[in-house]
Amino acid sequence: MCCSTGLTAASSRDGETMNQWTFVTVIVLGSALIVSGTPEGPPAAPSPIIPVQTVTAPAATDDLFKTADRCIACHKGITASDGTDVSIGYDWRASMMANSARDPYWHAAVRREITDFPESSVSIETNCSRCHMPMANVVAASQGRETSVFGNLPIQAGAEGEAALAADGVSCAACHQIAPDGLGSEASFTGQFTVNTDAAPDGRTVYGPFEPDEGGAGIMHSATGFRPTEGAHMQSAELCSSCHTLMTHSIRNDGSDGVEFPEQAPYLEWQASSFGRKNVTCQDCHMPEVGEDVPVTAVLGRERPNVSRHVFRGGNFFMLRMLNRYRDELGVTALPQEMALAAARTEDHLREATATVEVMDVSLTDGVLSATVEIRNMAGHKFPTAYPSRRAWLHVTVTDRGGDTVFESGAFSPDGRVIGDDHDANGTTYEPHYAEITSPDQVQIYQSVMVDQAGEVTTGLMSAERWAKDNRLLPDGFDASAADPRVRPVGEAATDLDFVAGLDRVQYSVPTGDAAGPLTVTAELWFQPIGYRWAQNLGEYDTFETQRFFRYYRDMAERSAIVIAEASEEIR
């Protein structure tokens, strides 16, 4: 895959100054696309109403997990025949998995929730750390303690004990120690995976997709205490389902427990699709195979077939670029070139494997242009999926012979807004789903919208009780009758006969007046991982984490969305 920096994965290792055995924070200057972030004045103090728990790491931390530097020491130096570096460790450290605990949006969102519900701060931090700081969470739970998110922050080079495990995010020893027990079941959702915490320090099982060879297994055990074991579940969608099927429990204004809410459920969406029925797994798309036999380790590694790259391709190009730009503030350890490549790879994936757009049935009658825009979802789940801040929308224009705009719906503003979106203009409302668009102030936005107990629109997860709208594009073969009720369409999309499995068709009927032809209809599908309103609402909180993220978003808003598909059609 190409990268606009002109750097290859192999060349990104040039000039690497970190010790091979220990991560340190590295800042590399000189890349035209990488901007090193600097604090804009002294940081504001965290909100005084939120107590911050200081974590003292127990000596036994190292018995359960090892940080990724121990794994990278051997799982590096692997190149494909074309020279591309496909090292597991290097791919991983530039991913959102590696940076899950550094994510400033996550920091801000957690701070907002515990500011809203200070009495529940301990449980909120513990639950949120389960998937973003899994190793620290498991260690704390094994000792009968809760996990503090902010007690393990900021992430700093040289962190030790539990803080080091927290900083490692979704790391090697976290995923590869997950046992197959109960995966894919309701009980395993919301990060309730199983790690055997009772195993002896020198006999801890780590699972992989291959049968280990005796020599390699011996080296791993000597270096880490782990005993590699073949586990078919490492290539199953059920492995991913634990953290990517997340149910929250709302907290009502009086402090009482509310209802269970499906904050994200791509696994349940996948189950109801043709991808699920054919067992095309998460790993097949998000961890693409190298395409040739390669070793997985530089130490006594023999070539293996069907090796998956640990790039974890997703949709959050914006956060990858934000992490890179403010790397010194956030403690990012991957090289700038690696982060830039990861962001570019993510954008390529979105454009190549997510959705297509087609303009069809264009006609012009009595000064009214009619056209159908068809959007097809190529993903194995809804698009967008997962965290509800994500949205996609149609930007449709009609231009005349001279290129002047006759009609426009869904233009993107440099501050992150979608022009015409009711939700961006007023956070108390939202843009409905449309079967037909006839006016510039109507925009087809594919999104999920949450409401609280009172039916008021909210971007707070702990306040959310139900969907008011969910018209995210369905995956191919989606069977609504058989699907889990929690992932069925909600709102006008549920009754739109043109909103079906795998696609949506939107009719545009717009006046063109006396515009000179030929007229050109252009449709673009845009995608934004963090919608404007989601950032704006965080900016209303006077805490360090929320104000920091708001500053980041404001400064980068122009690059918060990209076009992932487009098409045009001309009529004379």
Protein backbone atom coordinates (compact mmCIF):
# COMPACT_ATOMS: atom_id res chain seq x y z
CA MET A 1 0.00 0.00 0.00
CA CYS A 2 1.26 3.42 -0.88
CA CYS A 3 2.00 6.18 1.58
CA SER A 4 1.89 9.83 0.62
CA THR A 5 5.07 10.48 2.59
CA GLY A 6 7.07 8.52 0.08
CA LEU A 7 8.51 6.41 2.89
CA THR A 8 8.35 2.64 2.78
CA ALA A 9 7.74 0.54 5.82
CA ALA A 10 11.29 -0.72 5.59
CA SER A 11 12.84 2.72 5.31
CA SER A 12 10.94 3.95 8.36
CA ARG A 13 13.44 2.05 10.53
CA ASP A 14 16.33 4.19 9.27
CA GLY A 15 17.77 6.35 11.99
CA GLU A 16 15.83 4.57 14.73
CA THR A 17 17.53 5.49 17.99
CA MET A 18 15.52 3.49 20.51
CA ASN A 19 17.06 0.63 22.37
CA GLN A 20 15.84 -2.60 20.75
CA TRP A 21 14.76 -3.96 24.10
CA THR A 22 13.05 -0.95 25.61
CA PHE A 23 10.57 1.56 24.32
CA VAL A 24 11.42 5.22 24.79
CA THR A 25 9.68 8.28 23.47
CA VAL A 26 11.17 9.22 20.12
CA ILE A 27 10.67 12.50 18.31
CA VAL A 28 11.95 12.56 14.76
CA LEU A 29 11.98 15.84 12.88
CA GLY A 30 12.17 16.47 9.19
CA SER A 31 9.08 14.78 7.73
CA ALA A 32 7.01 17.23 5.76
CA LEU A 33 3.78 15.61 6.90
CA ILE A 34 4.62 15.28 10.59
CA VAL A 35 4.11 18.20 12.94
CA SER A 36 5.40 17.86 16.47
CA GLY A 37 2.83 19.16 18.91
CA THR A 38 3.69 21.68 21.61
CA PRO A 39 1.54 22.71 24.55
CA GLU A 40 -0.22 26.02 24.04
CA GLY A 41 0.56 27.58 27.42
CA PRO A 42 0.42 25.83 30.78
CA PRO A 43 -2.15 23.03 31.02
CA ALA A 44 -5.25 23.61 33.06
CA ALA A 45 -5.54 21.63 36.26
CA PRO A 46 -7.86 18.62 36.27
CA SER A 47 -11.33 19.24 37.62
CA PRO A 48 -11.11 19.49 41.43
CA ILE A 49 -14.35 17.59 41.91
CA ILE A 50 -12.84 14.41 40.49
CA PRO A 51 -10.54 12.53 42.84
CA VAL A 52 -7.51 11.01 41.18
CA GLN A 53 -6.39 7.68 42.55
CA THR A 54 -2.64 7.11 42.67
CA VAL A 55 -1.65 3.58 41.73
CA THR A 56 1.20 1.82 43.47
CA ALA A 57 2.13 -1.11 41.31
CA PRO A 58 2.46 -4.44 43.10
CA ALA A 59 5.55 -6.52 42.67
CA ALA A 60 3.52 -9.34 41.11
CA THR A 61 2.59 -7.32 38.02
CA ASP A 62 5.25 -8.97 35.88
CA ASP A 63 3.92 -12.44 36.73
CA LEU A 64 0.81 -12.02 34.60
CA PHE A 65 1.97 -9.95 31.65
CA LYS A 66 5.03 -8.72 29.81
CA THR A 67 5.11 -5.40 27.99
CA ALA A 68 5.42 -5.39 24.20
CA ASP A 69 9.11 -4.48 24.16
CA ARG A 70 9.84 -8.01 25.42
CA CYS A 71 7.91 -9.43 22.46
CA ILE A 72 9.27 -7.03 19.85
CA ALA A 73 12.80 -8.08 20.77
CA CYS A 74 12.21 -11.24 18.70
CA HIS A 75 9.15 -10.44 16.58
CA LYS A 76 10.92 -7.93 14.34
CA GLY A 77 13.21 -7.83 11.33
CA ILE A 78 10.73 -9.65 9.07
CA THR A 79 10.51 -8.56 5.44
CA ALA A 80 8.46 -9.76 2.50
CA SER A 81 10.08 -10.55 -0.83
CA ASP A 82 9.41 -7.01 -2.07
CA GLY A 83 11.32 -5.55 0.86
CA THR A 84 8.27 -4.46 2.88
CA ASP A 85 8.83 -4.72 6.61
CA VAL A 86 6.02 -6.94 7.95
CA SER A 87 7.33 -7.27 11.49
CA ILE A 88 4.56 -7.96 13.97
CA GLY A 89 5.93 -5.60 16.60
CA TYR A 90 6.52 -2.65 14.31
CA ASP A 91 3.10 -2.96 12.69
CA TRP A 92 1.40 -3.15 16.08
CA ARG A 93 3.07 -0.20 17.75
CA ALA A 94 1.68 2.26 15.17
CA SER A 95 -1.87 0.94 15.52
CA MET A 96 -4.81 2.17 17.59
CA MET A 97 -4.49 -1.05 19.61
CA ALA A 98 -1.04 -0.05 20.81
CA ASN A 99 -2.22 3.50 21.46
CA SER A 100 -5.58 2.74 23.07
CA ALA A 101 -4.42 4.14 26.41
CA ARG A 102 -2.90 7.24 24.79
CA ASP A 103 -6.07 8.19 22.91
CA PRO A 104 -6.84 11.79 23.98
CA TYR A 105 -10.45 11.46 22.86
CA TRP A 106 -10.88 8.52 25.19
CA HIS A 107 -9.25 10.48 28.03
CA ALA A 108 -11.68 13.35 27.44
CA ALA A 109 -14.72 11.08 27.16
CA VAL A 110 -13.92 9.28 30.42
CA ARG A 111 -13.32 12.59 32.18
CA ARG A 112 -16.67 13.87 30.93
CA GLU A 113 -18.49 10.79 32.23
CA ILE A 114 -16.99 10.93 35.71
CA THR A 115 -17.61 14.67 35.83
CA ASP A 116 -21.27 14.01 35.05
CA PHE A 117 -21.47 11.12 37.51
CA PRO A 118 -18.77 11.58 40.18
CA GLU A 119 -20.39 9.03 42.50
CA SER A 120 -19.76 6.35 39.87
CA SER A 121 -16.22 7.45 38.95
CA VAL A 122 -14.54 4.29 40.28
CA SER A 123 -16.78 1.90 38.34
CA ILE A 124 -16.61 4.03 35.19
CA GLU A 125 -12.81 4.10 35.21
CA THR A 126 -12.63 0.37 35.95
CA ASN A 127 -15.04 -0.54 33.16
CA CYS A 128 -13.45 1.80 30.63
CA SER A 129 -9.96 0.53 31.38
CA ARG A 130 -11.05 -3.05 30.71
CA CYS A 131 -10.55 -2.65 26.97
CA HIS A 132 -8.23 0.38 26.79
CA MET A 133 -5.83 -0.69 29.59
CA PRO A 134 -6.60 -4.41 29.72
CA MET A 135 -3.39 -5.66 31.32
CA ALA A 136 -3.50 -3.16 34.17
CA ASN A 137 -7.19 -3.94 34.62
CA VAL A 138 -6.67 -7.70 34.85
CA VAL A 139 -3.81 -7.28 37.34
CA ALA A 140 -5.92 -5.04 39.56
CA ALA A 141 -8.91 -7.37 39.37
CA SER A 142 -6.75 -10.37 40.27
CA GLN A 143 -5.82 -8.54 43.47
CA GLY A 144 -9.34 -7.43 44.28
CA ARG A 145 -8.77 -3.80 43.28
CA GLU A 146 -10.47 -1.37 40.93
CA THR A 147 -8.50 0.22 38.08
CA SER A 148 -7.84 3.93 37.86
CA VAL A 149 -7.57 5.35 34.35
CA PHE A 150 -6.13 8.67 35.44
CA GLY A 151 -3.96 7.15 38.14
CA ASN A 152 -1.99 5.57 35.29
CA LEU A 153 -1.71 8.80 33.29
CA PRO A 154 0.09 10.65 31.86
CA ILE A 155 1.91 7.99 29.88
CA GLN A 156 5.62 8.53 30.27
CA ALA A 157 8.77 6.82 29.06
CA GLY A 158 10.24 4.60 31.74
CA ALA A 159 6.93 3.85 33.45
CA GLU A 160 7.11 0.76 35.60
CA GLY A 161 4.80 -1.88 37.00
CA GLU A 162 1.10 -1.38 36.51
CA ALA A 163 1.57 2.02 34.86
CA ALA A 164 3.75 0.38 32.18
CA LEU A 165 1.08 -2.25 31.56
CA ALA A 166 -1.55 0.47 31.27
CA ALA A 167 0.58 2.43 28.80
CA ASP A 168 0.97 -0.66 26.60
CA GLY A 169 -2.70 -0.53 25.65
CA VAL A 170 -4.07 -3.58 23.87
CA SER A 171 -0.76 -5.36 23.84
CA CYS A 172 0.67 -8.71 22.75
CA ALA A 173 0.36 -10.39 26.14
CA ALA A 174 -3.21 -9.16 26.53
CA CYS A 175 -4.73 -10.59 23.34
CA HIS A 176 -2.59 -13.70 23.17
CA GLN A 177 -3.44 -14.76 26.72
CA ILE A 178 -7.19 -14.63 26.15
CA ALA A 179 -8.56 -18.13 26.59
CA PRO A 180 -11.22 -19.55 24.24
CA ASP A 181 -13.66 -20.08 27.09
CA GLY A 182 -17.04 -18.51 26.35
CA LEU A 183 -15.87 -16.23 23.54
CA GLY A 184 -18.75 -14.90 21.47
CA SER A 185 -21.27 -15.42 24.26
CA GLU A 186 -23.22 -12.65 25.93
CA ALA A 187 -21.21 -13.19 29.10
CA SER A 188 -17.95 -12.42 27.25
CA PHE A 189 -19.08 -9.04 25.88
CA THR A 190 -17.99 -5.69 27.30
CA GLY A 191 -14.44 -6.87 27.84
CA GLN A 192 -15.33 -9.93 29.88
CA PHE A 193 -12.69 -12.13 28.28
CA THR A 194 -10.89 -14.74 30.34
CA VAL A 195 -7.20 -14.67 31.25
CA ASN A 196 -5.94 -17.44 33.50
CA THR A 197 -4.50 -15.49 36.42
CA ASP A 198 -3.84 -18.65 38.44
CA ALA A 199 -1.10 -20.07 36.21
CA ALA A 200 2.43 -20.16 37.58
CA PRO A 201 4.68 -17.31 36.39
CA ASP A 202 6.84 -19.72 34.37
CA GLY A 203 3.93 -21.59 32.85
CA ARG A 204 1.65 -19.00 31.40
CA THR A 205 -0.05 -20.00 28.14
CA VAL A 206 0.00 -17.66 25.16
CA TYR A 207 -2.06 -18.65 22.15
CA GLY A 208 -1.13 -18.28 18.51
CA PRO A 209 -2.50 -19.49 15.17
CA PHE A 210 0.37 -21.92 14.50
CA GLU A 211 1.69 -25.05 16.12
CA PRO A 212 4.88 -23.90 17.86
CA ASP A 213 8.18 -25.52 17.04
CA GLU A 214 10.24 -26.83 19.92
CA GLY A 215 13.19 -24.46 19.51
CA GLY A 216 11.11 -21.31 19.25
CA ALA A 217 8.90 -22.34 22.14
CA GLY A 218 11.97 -22.86 24.31
CA ILE A 219 13.36 -19.42 23.51
CA MET A 220 10.03 -17.74 24.25
CA HIS A 221 9.71 -19.54 27.56
CA SER A 222 13.25 -18.67 28.59
CA ALA A 223 12.80 -15.01 27.66
CA THR A 224 9.30 -14.40 28.99
CA GLY A 225 7.99 -17.38 30.95
CA PHE A 226 5.22 -17.81 28.36
CA ARG A 227 4.49 -21.20 26.80
CA PRO A 228 3.20 -20.83 23.23
CA THR A 229 0.20 -22.97 22.33
CA GLU A 230 -1.79 -23.30 19.13
CA GLY A 231 -5.23 -21.76 19.52
CA ALA A 232 -7.71 -21.68 16.65
CA HIS A 233 -9.69 -18.96 18.42
CA MET A 234 -6.94 -16.45 17.65
CA GLN A 235 -8.30 -16.26 14.10
CA SER A 236 -11.95 -16.09 15.07
CA ALA A 237 -14.32 -13.13 15.14
CA GLU A 238 -15.29 -14.23 18.64
CA LEU A 239 -11.87 -13.16 19.93
CA CYS A 240 -12.55 -9.58 18.84
CA SER A 241 -16.16 -9.63 20.01
CA SER A 242 -15.31 -9.20 23.69
CA CYS A 243 -14.21 -5.58 23.42
CA HIS A 244 -16.05 -4.77 20.20
CA THR A 245 -19.45 -5.67 21.60
CA LEU A 246 -19.86 -3.11 24.33
CA MET A 247 -22.95 -2.74 26.49
CA THR A 248 -23.15 0.19 28.87
CA HIS A 249 -25.58 0.69 31.72
CA SER A 250 -27.06 4.14 31.91
CA ILE A 251 -27.02 6.25 35.05
CA ARG A 252 -30.08 8.42 35.56
CA ASN A 253 -30.12 11.94 36.90
CA ASP A 254 -31.16 10.76 40.35
CA GLY A 255 -28.17 8.39 40.45
CA SER A 256 -30.23 5.24 39.95
CA ASP A 257 -29.35 2.53 37.47
CA GLY A 258 -30.96 2.83 34.07
CA VAL A 259 -31.00 0.34 31.23
CA GLU A 260 -28.48 -1.62 29.23
CA PHE A 261 -27.47 0.19 26.05
CA PRO A 262 -25.59 -1.27 23.03
CA GLU A 263 -22.90 1.39 22.69
CA GLN A 264 -21.20 -0.57 19.89
CA ALA A 265 -21.85 -4.01 18.44
CA PRO A 266 -19.99 -4.68 15.17
CA TYR A 267 -19.80 -8.38 16.10
CA LEU A 268 -23.60 -8.65 16.27
CA GLU A 269 -23.86 -6.75 12.99
CA TRP A 270 -21.36 -9.17 11.45
CA GLN A 271 -23.28 -12.19 12.73
CA ALA A 272 -26.40 -11.08 10.83
CA SER A 273 -24.49 -10.52 7.56
CA SER A 274 -23.34 -12.72 4.72
CA PHE A 275 -19.80 -12.26 6.06
CA GLY A 276 -20.80 -13.90 9.33
CA ARG A 277 -22.58 -16.77 7.60
CA LYS A 278 -19.51 -17.38 5.42
CA ASN A 279 -17.16 -16.91 8.41
CA VAL A 280 -15.21 -14.10 6.79
CA THR A 281 -13.71 -12.95 10.09
CA CYS A 282 -12.59 -9.62 11.51
CA GLN A 283 -8.97 -10.69 11.05
CA ASP A 284 -9.51 -11.35 7.34
CA CYS A 285 -10.08 -7.64 6.72
CA HIS A 286 -8.42 -5.86 9.63
CA MET A 287 -5.30 -8.07 9.79
CA PRO A 288 -4.65 -8.86 6.11
CA GLU A 289 -2.28 -11.68 5.32
CA VAL A 290 1.21 -10.96 4.06
CA GLY A 291 0.46 -12.96 0.90
CA GLU A 292 3.51 -15.21 1.04
CA ASP A 293 5.24 -17.50 3.51
CA VAL A 294 7.26 -15.53 6.06
CA PRO A 295 8.57 -16.21 9.57
CA VAL A 296 6.88 -14.54 12.53
CA THR A 297 10.09 -14.15 14.49
CA ALA A 298 13.67 -13.26 13.63
CA VAL A 299 15.01 -15.81 16.13
CA LEU A 300 14.86 -19.40 14.82
CA GLY A 301 11.78 -18.41 12.86
CA ARG A 302 10.71 -20.75 10.08
CA GLU A 303 8.47 -19.55 7.29
CA ARG A 304 4.77 -19.87 7.93
CA PRO A 305 1.81 -19.65 5.55
CA ASN A 306 -1.08 -17.23 5.99
CA VAL A 307 0.70 -14.88 8.41
CA SER A 308 -1.54 -11.98 9.41
CA ARG A 309 -0.10 -8.50 9.62
CA HIS A 310 -0.73 -6.76 12.92
CA VAL A 311 -1.74 -3.46 11.31
CA PHE A 312 -5.30 -3.57 12.67
CA ARG A 313 -6.74 -1.54 9.81
CA GLY A 314 -9.77 0.38 11.00
CA GLY A 315 -11.37 3.71 10.29
CA ASN A 316 -9.75 6.13 12.74
CA PHE A 317 -7.23 7.87 10.51
CA PHE A 318 -7.98 11.11 12.35
CA MET A 319 -6.84 9.84 15.74
CA LEU A 320 -3.70 8.29 14.25
CA ARG A 321 -2.79 11.67 12.80
CA MET A 322 -3.67 13.42 16.06
CA LEU A 323 -1.50 11.02 18.06
CA ASN A 324 1.37 11.70 15.68
CA ARG A 325 0.99 15.47 15.72
CA TYR A 326 0.88 15.64 19.52
CA ARG A 327 3.18 12.69 20.09
CA ASP A 328 5.35 14.41 22.67
CA GLU A 329 2.33 15.33 24.81
CA LEU A 330 0.77 11.87 24.54
CA GLY A 331 3.85 9.67 24.93
CA VAL A 332 3.67 8.00 21.51
CA THR A 333 6.53 5.54 20.99
CA ALA A 334 6.07 4.52 17.36
CA LEU A 335 8.22 6.50 14.97
CA PRO A 336 6.61 9.44 13.16
CA GLN A 337 7.07 7.67 9.85
CA GLU A 338 5.31 4.60 11.19
CA MET A 339 2.33 6.61 12.44
CA ALA A 340 2.07 8.50 9.15
CA LEU A 341 2.15 5.20 7.26
CA ALA A 342 -0.54 3.75 9.54
CA ALA A 343 -2.81 6.77 8.95
CA ALA A 344 -2.26 6.62 5.18
CA ARG A 345 -2.91 2.87 5.21
CA THR A 346 -6.17 3.49 7.08
CA GLU A 347 -7.31 6.08 4.56
CA ASP A 348 -6.43 3.71 1.71
CA HIS A 349 -8.45 0.96 3.36
CA LEU A 350 -11.46 3.25 3.74
CA ARG A 351 -11.31 4.22 0.07
CA GLU A 352 -10.64 0.73 -1.28
CA ALA A 353 -12.68 -1.60 0.89
CA THR A 354 -15.49 0.28 2.60
CA ALA A 355 -18.15 1.64 0.25
CA THR A 356 -18.94 2.60 -3.32
CA VAL A 357 -21.14 5.35 -4.77
CA GLU A 358 -23.02 5.42 -8.06
CA VAL A 359 -25.15 8.15 -9.66
CA MET A 360 -27.92 6.68 -11.81
CA ASP A 361 -31.26 7.41 -13.46
CA VAL A 362 -30.48 11.08 -14.08
CA SER A 363 -33.24 13.01 -15.83
CA LEU A 364 -34.26 16.63 -16.35
CA THR A 365 -37.93 17.60 -16.68
CA ASP A 366 -39.38 21.11 -16.56
CA GLY A 367 -36.38 22.52 -14.73
CA VAL A 368 -36.27 19.77 -12.10
CA LEU A 369 -33.32 17.39 -12.09
CA SER A 370 -33.89 13.90 -10.71
CA ALA A 371 -31.15 11.45 -9.84
CA THR A 372 -30.67 8.37 -7.70
CA VAL A 373 -27.54 8.00 -5.61
CA GLU A 374 -26.73 4.43 -4.61
CA ILE A 375 -24.29 3.70 -1.79
CA ARG A 376 -23.06 0.14 -1.31
CA ASN A 377 -21.48 -1.07 1.91
CA MET A 378 -18.55 -3.44 1.33
CA ALA A 379 -17.70 -3.95 5.02
CA GLY A 380 -18.72 -6.97 7.07
CA HIS A 381 -20.62 -4.79 9.52
CA LYS A 382 -22.53 -1.54 9.44
CA PHE A 383 -20.81 1.52 8.08
CA PRO A 384 -19.92 3.44 10.07
CA THR A 385 -19.72 1.01 12.96
CA ALA A 386 -18.48 0.92 16.55
CA TYR A 387 -18.21 4.14 18.59
CA PRO A 388 -21.23 6.37 17.85
CA SER A 389 -19.22 9.56 17.23
CA ARG A 390 -18.56 8.22 13.72
CA ARG A 391 -20.62 9.34 10.76
CA ALA A 392 -20.70 9.22 6.98
CA TRP A 393 -22.71 11.46 4.69
CA LEU A 394 -23.49 12.33 1.08
CA HIS A 395 -22.18 15.51 -0.46
CA VAL A 396 -24.12 15.98 -3.67
CA THR A 397 -23.67 18.84 -6.13
CA VAL A 398 -25.19 19.83 -9.44
CA THR A 399 -23.03 22.09 -11.60
CA ASP A 400 -23.78 23.79 -14.91
CA ARG A 401 -21.82 24.02 -18.15
CA GLY A 402 -19.49 26.65 -16.70
CA GLY A 403 -18.84 24.69 -13.49
CA ASP A 404 -21.00 26.94 -11.32
CA THR A 405 -22.94 25.25 -8.52
CA VAL A 406 -26.67 24.95 -9.14
CA PHE A 407 -27.42 22.77 -6.09
CA GLU A 408 -25.39 21.53 -3.14
CA SER A 409 -26.21 19.34 -0.13
CA GLY A 410 -23.78 18.17 2.55
CA ALA A 411 -20.75 20.43 2.10
CA PHE A 412 -17.98 20.00 4.66
CA SER A 413 -16.89 23.03 6.67
CA PRO A 414 -13.22 23.43 7.76
CA ASP A 415 -14.33 23.61 11.41
CA GLY A 416 -15.65 20.02 11.22
CA ARG A 417 -19.34 20.79 10.60
CA VAL A 418 -21.55 19.41 7.87
CA ILE A 419 -23.45 22.31 6.33
CA GLY A 420 -27.17 21.68 6.71
CA ASP A 421 -26.84 19.12 9.50
CA ASP A 422 -29.39 19.99 12.19
CA HIS A 423 -27.31 18.28 14.90
CA ASP A 424 -24.20 20.33 14.14
CA ALA A 425 -26.28 23.51 14.24
CA ASN A 426 -28.21 22.55 17.39
CA GLY A 427 -27.17 19.71 19.66
CA THR A 428 -30.72 19.15 20.90
CA THR A 429 -31.90 17.82 17.53
CA TYR A 430 -30.59 15.73 14.64
CA GLU A 431 -30.88 15.26 10.90
CA PRO A 432 -33.49 12.64 9.94
CA HIS A 433 -33.00 9.82 7.47
CA TYR A 434 -34.16 10.75 3.97
CA ALA A 435 -35.64 8.67 1.19
CA GLU A 436 -35.75 11.80 -0.99
CA ILE A 437 -33.86 15.08 -0.82
CA THR A 438 -35.34 18.20 -2.39
CA SER A 439 -33.59 21.07 -0.60
CA PRO A 440 -29.97 22.12 0.14
CA ASP A 441 -30.66 22.08 3.88
CA GLN A 442 -31.40 18.35 3.78
CA VAL A 443 -28.39 16.04 4.15
CA GLN A 444 -28.26 12.26 4.17
CA ILE A 445 -26.12 11.43 7.19
CA TYR A 446 -25.46 7.81 8.12
CA GLN A 447 -25.11 7.76 11.90
CA SER A 448 -26.49 6.58 15.21
CA VAL A 449 -28.08 9.13 17.55
CA MET A 450 -28.49 8.46 21.29
CA VAL A 451 -31.15 9.83 23.62
CA ASP A 452 -31.42 9.78 27.40
CA GLN A 453 -34.25 8.80 29.73
CA ALA A 454 -36.16 11.98 28.87
CA GLY A 455 -35.75 11.41 25.14
CA GLU A 456 -33.21 14.23 24.80
CA VAL A 457 -30.31 13.86 22.38
CA THR A 458 -27.02 13.15 24.15
CA THR A 459 -23.38 12.36 23.39
CA GLY A 460 -22.79 11.03 26.91
CA LEU A 461 -22.59 7.25 27.02
CA MET A 462 -23.63 6.97 30.65
CA SER A 463 -26.77 8.99 29.86
CA ALA A 464 -27.76 7.04 26.75
CA GLU A 465 -30.74 4.70 26.99
CA ARG A 466 -31.81 4.07 23.40
CA TRP A 467 -31.23 4.98 19.76
CA ALA A 468 -33.43 7.67 18.26
CA LYS A 469 -31.85 7.07 14.86
CA ASP A 470 -29.66 4.35 13.42
CA ASN A 471 -29.44 4.44 9.64
CA ARG A 472 -25.86 3.29 9.35
CA LEU A 473 -25.44 1.33 6.12
CA LEU A 474 -26.22 -2.35 6.62
CA PRO A 475 -23.72 -5.02 5.57
CA ASP A 476 -24.42 -7.33 2.66
CA GLY A 477 -26.89 -10.07 3.47
CA PHE A 478 -28.08 -8.41 6.66
CA ASP A 479 -31.16 -10.27 7.86
CA ALA A 480 -33.11 -7.88 10.06
CA SER A 481 -35.59 -10.56 11.12
CA ALA A 482 -32.82 -12.82 12.40
CA ALA A 483 -30.50 -10.06 13.65
CA ASP A 484 -30.13 -9.23 17.30
CA PRO A 485 -32.78 -6.54 17.99
CA ARG A 486 -30.05 -4.27 19.33
CA VAL A 487 -28.55 -3.78 15.85
CA ARG A 488 -31.66 -3.35 13.71
CA PRO A 489 -32.27 0.00 11.96
CA VAL A 490 -34.02 2.66 14.02
CA GLY A 491 -36.10 5.61 12.81
CA GLU A 492 -37.15 6.39 9.25
CA ALA A 493 -34.56 3.97 7.81
CA ALA A 494 -36.49 1.03 9.29
CA THR A 495 -39.39 1.70 6.89
CA ASP A 496 -37.45 3.01 3.88
CA LEU A 497 -37.87 0.39 1.13
CA ASP A 498 -34.65 1.61 -0.54
CA PHE A 499 -32.63 1.12 2.66
CA VAL A 500 -31.82 -2.58 2.46
CA ALA A 501 -29.08 -5.07 3.14
CA GLY A 502 -25.85 -3.86 1.62
CA LEU A 503 -27.06 -0.57 0.16
CA ASP A 504 -29.15 2.57 0.29
CA ARG A 505 -30.66 4.52 -2.58
CA VAL A 506 -31.46 8.21 -2.13
CA GLN A 507 -33.57 10.12 -4.61
CA TYR A 508 -32.57 13.72 -5.36
CA SER A 509 -35.16 16.01 -6.93
CA VAL A 510 -33.80 19.53 -7.22
CA PRO A 511 -34.77 22.65 -9.18
CA THR A 512 -32.18 23.84 -11.68
CA GLY A 513 -34.00 26.89 -13.05
CA ASP A 514 -32.52 28.14 -16.28
CA ALA A 515 -29.05 26.69 -15.66
CA ALA A 516 -27.18 26.03 -18.89
CA GLY A 517 -26.47 22.41 -19.64
CA PRO A 518 -24.92 20.00 -19.73
CA LEU A 519 -25.47 19.52 -16.00
CA THR A 520 -23.20 17.33 -13.91
CA VAL A 521 -24.35 15.47 -10.81
CA THR A 522 -21.52 14.56 -8.44
CA ALA A 523 -21.94 12.46 -5.31
CA GLU A 524 -19.23 12.05 -2.67
CA LEU A 525 -19.38 9.83 0.38
CA TRP A 526 -17.57 11.46 3.29
CA PHE A 527 -16.47 9.84 6.54
CA GLN A 528 -15.60 11.50 9.87
CA PRO A 529 -14.50 9.42 12.89
CA ILE A 530 -15.38 12.13 15.44
CA GLY A 531 -18.36 14.27 14.53
CA TYR A 532 -18.38 18.01 15.18
CA ARG A 533 -21.01 17.92 17.93
CA TRP A 534 -19.17 15.20 19.84
CA ALA A 535 -16.12 17.45 20.08
CA GLN A 536 -18.11 20.61 20.78
CA ASN A 537 -19.91 19.01 23.70
CA LEU A 538 -16.63 17.96 25.29
CA GLY A 539 -15.39 21.54 24.94
CA GLU A 540 -18.08 22.64 27.39
CA TYR A 541 -16.30 20.82 30.24
CA ASP A 542 -13.62 22.76 32.11
CA THR A 543 -11.14 19.94 32.72
CA PHE A 544 -7.64 19.36 31.46
CA GLU A 545 -8.49 16.32 29.32
CA THR A 546 -11.61 17.77 27.69
CA GLN A 547 -10.01 21.14 26.95
CA ARG A 548 -6.89 19.47 25.59
CA PHE A 549 -8.88 17.34 23.19
CA PHE A 550 -11.04 20.27 22.16
CA ARG A 551 -7.88 22.22 21.32
CA TYR A 552 -6.53 19.29 19.30
CA TYR A 553 -9.81 18.92 17.41
CA ARG A 554 -10.13 22.63 16.72
CA ASP A 555 -6.62 22.78 15.32
CA MET A 556 -7.08 19.70 13.13
CA ALA A 557 -10.79 19.94 12.24
CA GLU A 558 -10.12 20.64 8.58
CA ARG A 559 -8.55 17.17 8.30
CA SER A 560 -11.15 15.39 10.45
CA ALA A 561 -13.06 14.00 7.44
CA ILE A 562 -12.18 12.50 4.07
CA VAL A 563 -13.94 11.49 0.86
CA ILE A 564 -13.96 7.70 0.58
CA ALA A 565 -16.00 7.26 -2.62
CA GLU A 566 -17.35 9.43 -5.41
CA ALA A 567 -19.12 9.28 -8.75
CA SER A 568 -20.61 11.67 -11.28
CA GLU A 569 -23.04 11.62 -14.18
CA GLU A 570 -23.77 14.20 -16.86
CA ILE A 571 -27.07 15.07 -18.50
CA ARG A 572 -27.60 17.33 -21.47
